[in-house]
Amino acid sequence: MARLISVMTRLTDHETDAALRLLLAIAMFAGHLAVLREAQQRHHQAAAAREAGDRLRARAVRNVTAHPIVRKVHIRTRGR
């Protein structure tokens, strides 16, 4: 920051305006980049949560259908 202040004191008014516009553009770009990175992080978290949910549901279905009581009920109802 000290370097930026040092450079700004040596610039003419026109150059100062250009430098400030450039600095503003860079700051806005950094802000947009931060928003993008946050969105990407949320996307990865959501994908991981969906995958975990799918795995848990698949495991639950396997466990329930493998249970002896459920198999007996399924066999009785299938024969009707």
C-alpha atoms as a PDB file:
ATOM      1  CA  MET A   1       0.000   0.000   0.000  1.00  0.00           C
ATOM      2  CA  ALA A   2       2.876   2.324   0.767  1.00  0.00           C
ATOM      3  CA  ARG A   3       4.257   1.778  -2.740  1.00  0.00           C
ATOM      4  CA  LEU A   4       0.907   2.666  -4.245  1.00  0.00           C
ATOM      5  CA  ILE A   5       0.731   5.887  -2.216  1.00  0.00           C
ATOM      6  CA  SER A   6       4.294   6.735  -3.207  1.00  0.00           C
ATOM      7  CA  VAL A   7       3.516   6.262  -6.899  1.00  0.00           C
ATOM      8  CA  MET A   8       0.265   8.217  -6.634  1.00  0.00           C
ATOM      9  CA  THR A   9       2.088  11.289  -5.268  1.00  0.00           C
ATOM     10  CA  ARG A  10       4.278  11.426  -8.407  1.00  0.00           C
ATOM     11  CA  LEU A  11       1.443  11.197 -10.939  1.00  0.00           C
ATOM     12  CA  THR A  12      -0.244  14.067 -12.736  1.00  0.00           C
ATOM     13  CA  ASP A  13      -3.987  14.619 -12.307  1.00  0.00           C
ATOM     14  CA  HIS A  14      -4.766  12.793 -15.551  1.00  0.00           C
ATOM     15  CA  GLU A  15      -2.521   9.868 -14.602  1.00  0.00           C
ATOM     16  CA  THR A  16      -4.026   9.791 -11.101  1.00  0.00           C
ATOM     17  CA  ASP A  17      -7.529   9.508 -12.551  1.00  0.00           C
ATOM     18  CA  ALA A  18      -6.425   6.660 -14.819  1.00  0.00           C
ATOM     19  CA  ALA A  19      -4.644   4.898 -11.962  1.00  0.00           C
ATOM     20  CA  LEU A  20      -7.698   5.208  -9.719  1.00  0.00           C
ATOM     21  CA  ARG A  21      -9.970   3.858 -12.465  1.00  0.00           C
ATOM     22  CA  LEU A  22      -7.578   0.939 -12.939  1.00  0.00           C
ATOM     23  CA  LEU A  23      -7.473   0.318  -9.198  1.00  0.00           C
ATOM     24  CA  LEU A  24     -11.282   0.380  -9.058  1.00  0.00           C
ATOM     25  CA  ALA A  25     -11.513  -2.068 -11.973  1.00  0.00           C
ATOM     26  CA  ILE A  26      -9.052  -4.422 -10.284  1.00  0.00           C
ATOM     27  CA  ALA A  27     -10.978  -4.215  -6.997  1.00  0.00           C
ATOM     28  CA  MET A  28     -14.257  -4.958  -8.781  1.00  0.00           C
ATOM     29  CA  PHE A  29     -12.660  -7.891 -10.607  1.00  0.00           C
ATOM     30  CA  ALA A  30     -11.356  -9.276  -7.306  1.00  0.00           C
ATOM     31  CA  GLY A  31     -14.830  -8.970  -5.805  1.00  0.00           C
ATOM     32  CA  HIS A  32     -16.440 -10.812  -8.711  1.00  0.00           C
ATOM     33  CA  LEU A  33     -13.751 -13.476  -8.556  1.00  0.00           C
ATOM     34  CA  ALA A  34     -14.444 -14.010  -4.848  1.00  0.00           C
ATOM     35  CA  VAL A  35     -18.168 -14.440  -5.553  1.00  0.00           C
ATOM     36  CA  LEU A  36     -17.380 -16.949  -8.305  1.00  0.00           C
ATOM     37  CA  ARG A  37     -15.075 -18.968  -6.037  1.00  0.00           C
ATOM     38  CA  GLU A  38     -17.743 -19.061  -3.306  1.00  0.00           C
ATOM     39  CA  ALA A  39     -20.304 -20.313  -5.827  1.00  0.00           C
ATOM     40  CA  GLN A  40     -17.900 -23.002  -7.025  1.00  0.00           C
ATOM     41  CA  GLN A  41     -17.300 -24.107  -3.440  1.00  0.00           C
ATOM     42  CA  ARG A  42     -21.064 -24.328  -2.789  1.00  0.00           C
ATOM     43  CA  HIS A  43     -21.469 -26.309  -6.025  1.00  0.00           C
ATOM     44  CA  HIS A  44     -18.862 -28.856  -4.915  1.00  0.00           C
ATOM     45  CA  GLN A  45     -20.435 -29.095  -1.465  1.00  0.00           C
ATOM     46  CA  ALA A  46     -23.875 -29.656  -2.966  1.00  0.00           C
ATOM     47  CA  ALA A  47     -22.564 -32.335  -5.327  1.00  0.00           C
ATOM     48  CA  ALA A  48     -20.846 -34.123  -2.437  1.00  0.00           C
ATOM     49  CA  ALA A  49     -24.035 -33.946  -0.353  1.00  0.00           C
ATOM     50  CA  ARG A  50     -26.112 -35.373  -3.219  1.00  0.00           C
ATOM     51  CA  GLU A  51     -23.646 -38.208  -3.676  1.00  0.00           C
ATOM     52  CA  ALA A  52     -23.636 -38.981   0.055  1.00  0.00           C
ATOM     53  CA  GLY A  53     -27.445 -38.966   0.097  1.00  0.00           C
ATOM     54  CA  ASP A  54     -27.593 -41.337  -2.864  1.00  0.00           C
ATOM     55  CA  ARG A  55     -25.178 -43.715  -1.183  1.00  0.00           C
ATOM     56  CA  LEU A  56     -27.075 -43.619   2.110  1.00  0.00           C
ATOM     57  CA  ARG A  57     -30.406 -44.272   0.375  1.00  0.00           C
ATOM     58  CA  ALA A  58     -28.944 -47.180  -1.600  1.00  0.00           C
ATOM     59  CA  ARG A  59     -27.445 -48.649   1.549  1.00  0.00           C
ATOM     60  CA  ALA A  60     -30.704 -48.236   3.474  1.00  0.00           C
ATOM     61  CA  VAL A  61     -32.685 -49.985   0.743  1.00  0.00           C
ATOM     62  CA  ARG A  62     -30.225 -52.891   0.709  1.00  0.00           C
ATOM     63  CA  ASN A  63     -30.350 -53.199   4.491  1.00  0.00           C
ATOM     64  CA  VAL A  64     -34.141 -53.072   4.669  1.00  0.00           C
ATOM     65  CA  THR A  65     -34.728 -55.553   1.857  1.00  0.00           C
ATOM     66  CA  ALA A  66     -32.122 -57.920   3.319  1.00  0.00           C
ATOM     67  CA  HIS A  67     -33.821 -57.977   6.735  1.00  0.00           C
ATOM     68  CA  PRO A  68     -35.487 -61.393   7.362  1.00  0.00           C
ATOM     69  CA  ILE A  69     -38.847 -59.931   8.447  1.00  0.00           C
ATOM     70  CA  VAL A  70     -39.093 -57.745   5.356  1.00  0.00           C
ATOM     71  CA  ARG A  71     -38.258 -60.707   3.119  1.00  0.00           C
ATOM     72  CA  LYS A  72     -41.023 -62.822   4.712  1.00  0.00           C
ATOM     73  CA  VAL A  73     -43.589 -60.056   4.229  1.00  0.00           C
ATOM     74  CA  HIS A  74     -42.450 -59.500   0.653  1.00  0.00           C
ATOM     75  CA  ILE A  75     -42.687 -63.218  -0.138  1.00  0.00           C
ATOM     76  CA  ARG A  76     -46.207 -63.455   1.383  1.00  0.00           C
ATOM     77  CA  THR A  77     -47.518 -60.402  -0.464  1.00  0.00           C
ATOM     78  CA  ARG A  78     -45.969 -61.374  -3.760  1.00  0.00           C
ATOM     79  CA  GLY A  79     -47.837 -64.684  -3.820  1.00  0.00           C
ATOM     80  CA  ARG A  80     -51.288 -63.009  -3.672  1.00  0.00           C
END
